Amino acid sequence: MKTVKVTLNSIDKVKNFVNAISKFDSDFDLVSGRYVIDAKSIMGIFSLDLSKPIELTVHDDDAFNAVAGTLEEFIVE
């Protein structure tokens, strides 16, 4: 399991993020404070505080490199 911070501060970014991450079969969670939601759920993402970076947890270490390449526009350090 690996974790990176992502920023989803606009409606278009959320839509593009969900479209990109839905192409993978692995499980992904977004963590904001005490809330954990499925990263493939657009409704769930809009229930989070999008004004600050959110932790993306990738549950499949093998898929992490492919996911990181696809989602690099959303990843913040």
C-alpha atoms as a PDB file:
ATOM      1  CA  MET A   1       0.000   0.000   0.000  1.00  0.00           C
ATOM      2  CA  LYS A   2       1.405   3.399  -0.996  1.00  0.00           C
ATOM      3  CA  THR A   3       0.148   6.906  -0.343  1.00  0.00           C
ATOM      4  CA  VAL A   4       0.583  10.185  -2.241  1.00  0.00           C
ATOM      5  CA  LYS A   5      -1.008  13.614  -1.875  1.00  0.00           C
ATOM      6  CA  VAL A   6      -3.247  14.848  -4.685  1.00  0.00           C
ATOM      7  CA  THR A   7      -5.000  18.143  -5.290  1.00  0.00           C
ATOM      8  CA  LEU A   8      -8.513  18.205  -6.763  1.00  0.00           C
ATOM      9  CA  ASN A   9      -9.464  21.848  -6.470  1.00  0.00           C
ATOM     10  CA  SER A  10     -11.825  22.175  -9.454  1.00  0.00           C
ATOM     11  CA  ILE A  11     -14.768  20.319 -10.956  1.00  0.00           C
ATOM     12  CA  ASP A  12     -12.800  19.536 -14.117  1.00  0.00           C
ATOM     13  CA  LYS A  13      -9.900  18.114 -12.106  1.00  0.00           C
ATOM     14  CA  VAL A  14     -12.267  15.842 -10.176  1.00  0.00           C
ATOM     15  CA  LYS A  15     -13.903  14.632 -13.397  1.00  0.00           C
ATOM     16  CA  ASN A  16     -10.542  13.977 -15.089  1.00  0.00           C
ATOM     17  CA  PHE A  17      -9.191  12.256 -11.959  1.00  0.00           C
ATOM     18  CA  VAL A  18     -12.167   9.870 -11.723  1.00  0.00           C
ATOM     19  CA  ASN A  19     -11.992   9.095 -15.451  1.00  0.00           C
ATOM     20  CA  ALA A  20      -8.249   8.362 -15.221  1.00  0.00           C
ATOM     21  CA  ILE A  21      -8.363   6.264 -12.052  1.00  0.00           C
ATOM     22  CA  SER A  22     -11.397   4.262 -13.192  1.00  0.00           C
ATOM     23  CA  LYS A  23      -9.249   2.658 -15.890  1.00  0.00           C
ATOM     24  CA  PHE A  24      -7.392   0.666 -13.226  1.00  0.00           C
ATOM     25  CA  ASP A  25      -8.747  -2.473 -11.538  1.00  0.00           C
ATOM     26  CA  SER A  26      -6.987  -1.856  -8.211  1.00  0.00           C
ATOM     27  CA  ASP A  27      -8.585  -0.361  -5.115  1.00  0.00           C
ATOM     28  CA  PHE A  28      -7.971   3.306  -4.332  1.00  0.00           C
ATOM     29  CA  ASP A  29      -9.072   5.393  -1.357  1.00  0.00           C
ATOM     30  CA  LEU A  30      -9.018   9.121  -0.715  1.00  0.00           C
ATOM     31  CA  VAL A  31      -8.420  10.183   2.887  1.00  0.00           C
ATOM     32  CA  SER A  32      -9.304  13.630   4.188  1.00  0.00           C
ATOM     33  CA  GLY A  33      -9.191  13.953   7.959  1.00  0.00           C
ATOM     34  CA  ARG A  34     -11.294  11.136   9.376  1.00  0.00           C
ATOM     35  CA  TYR A  35     -13.138  10.467   6.105  1.00  0.00           C
ATOM     36  CA  VAL A  36     -12.114   7.640   3.767  1.00  0.00           C
ATOM     37  CA  ILE A  37     -13.922   7.299   0.447  1.00  0.00           C
ATOM     38  CA  ASP A  38     -13.526   5.259  -2.730  1.00  0.00           C
ATOM     39  CA  ALA A  39     -11.393   7.303  -5.144  1.00  0.00           C
ATOM     40  CA  LYS A  40     -13.533   6.131  -8.073  1.00  0.00           C
ATOM     41  CA  SER A  41     -16.668   7.721  -6.580  1.00  0.00           C
ATOM     42  CA  ILE A  42     -17.259  11.202  -7.972  1.00  0.00           C
ATOM     43  CA  MET A  43     -20.036  11.830  -5.435  1.00  0.00           C
ATOM     44  CA  GLY A  44     -17.769  10.729  -2.600  1.00  0.00           C
ATOM     45  CA  ILE A  45     -14.991  13.061  -3.737  1.00  0.00           C
ATOM     46  CA  PHE A  46     -17.359  16.039  -3.724  1.00  0.00           C
ATOM     47  CA  SER A  47     -18.225  15.257  -0.086  1.00  0.00           C
ATOM     48  CA  LEU A  48     -14.587  15.966   0.924  1.00  0.00           C
ATOM     49  CA  ASP A  49     -12.864  19.276   1.641  1.00  0.00           C
ATOM     50  CA  LEU A  50     -11.216  19.930  -1.742  1.00  0.00           C
ATOM     51  CA  SER A  51      -9.535  23.183  -0.706  1.00  0.00           C
ATOM     52  CA  LYS A  52      -6.435  21.324   0.513  1.00  0.00           C
ATOM     53  CA  PRO A  53      -4.481  18.281  -0.713  1.00  0.00           C
ATOM     54  CA  ILE A  54      -5.991  14.833  -0.102  1.00  0.00           C
ATOM     55  CA  GLU A  55      -4.165  11.564   0.496  1.00  0.00           C
ATOM     56  CA  LEU A  56      -4.583   8.951  -2.245  1.00  0.00           C
ATOM     57  CA  THR A  57      -3.956   5.407  -1.017  1.00  0.00           C
ATOM     58  CA  VAL A  58      -3.119   2.801  -3.669  1.00  0.00           C
ATOM     59  CA  HIS A  59      -3.733  -0.697  -2.305  1.00  0.00           C
ATOM     60  CA  ASP A  60      -1.766  -2.518  -5.033  1.00  0.00           C
ATOM     61  CA  ASP A  61       1.977  -1.799  -4.950  1.00  0.00           C
ATOM     62  CA  ASP A  62       2.424  -3.242  -8.452  1.00  0.00           C
ATOM     63  CA  ALA A  63      -0.075  -0.790  -9.928  1.00  0.00           C
ATOM     64  CA  PHE A  64       1.418   2.208  -8.124  1.00  0.00           C
ATOM     65  CA  ASN A  65       3.972   3.139 -10.834  1.00  0.00           C
ATOM     66  CA  ALA A  66       1.389   3.046 -13.624  1.00  0.00           C
ATOM     67  CA  VAL A  67      -1.062   5.026 -11.523  1.00  0.00           C
ATOM     68  CA  ALA A  68       1.560   7.609 -10.556  1.00  0.00           C
ATOM     69  CA  GLY A  69       2.418   8.163 -14.223  1.00  0.00           C
ATOM     70  CA  THR A  70      -1.209   8.569 -15.219  1.00  0.00           C
ATOM     71  CA  LEU A  71      -2.092  10.859 -12.322  1.00  0.00           C
ATOM     72  CA  GLU A  72       1.073  12.990 -12.222  1.00  0.00           C
ATOM     73  CA  GLU A  73      -0.886  16.195 -12.990  1.00  0.00           C
ATOM     74  CA  PHE A  74      -2.812  15.736  -9.717  1.00  0.00           C
ATOM     75  CA  ILE A  75       0.082  14.671  -7.438  1.00  0.00           C
ATOM     76  CA  VAL A  76       1.642  17.291  -5.160  1.00  0.00           C
ATOM     77  CA  GLU A  77       4.721  16.915  -3.000  1.00  0.00           C
END
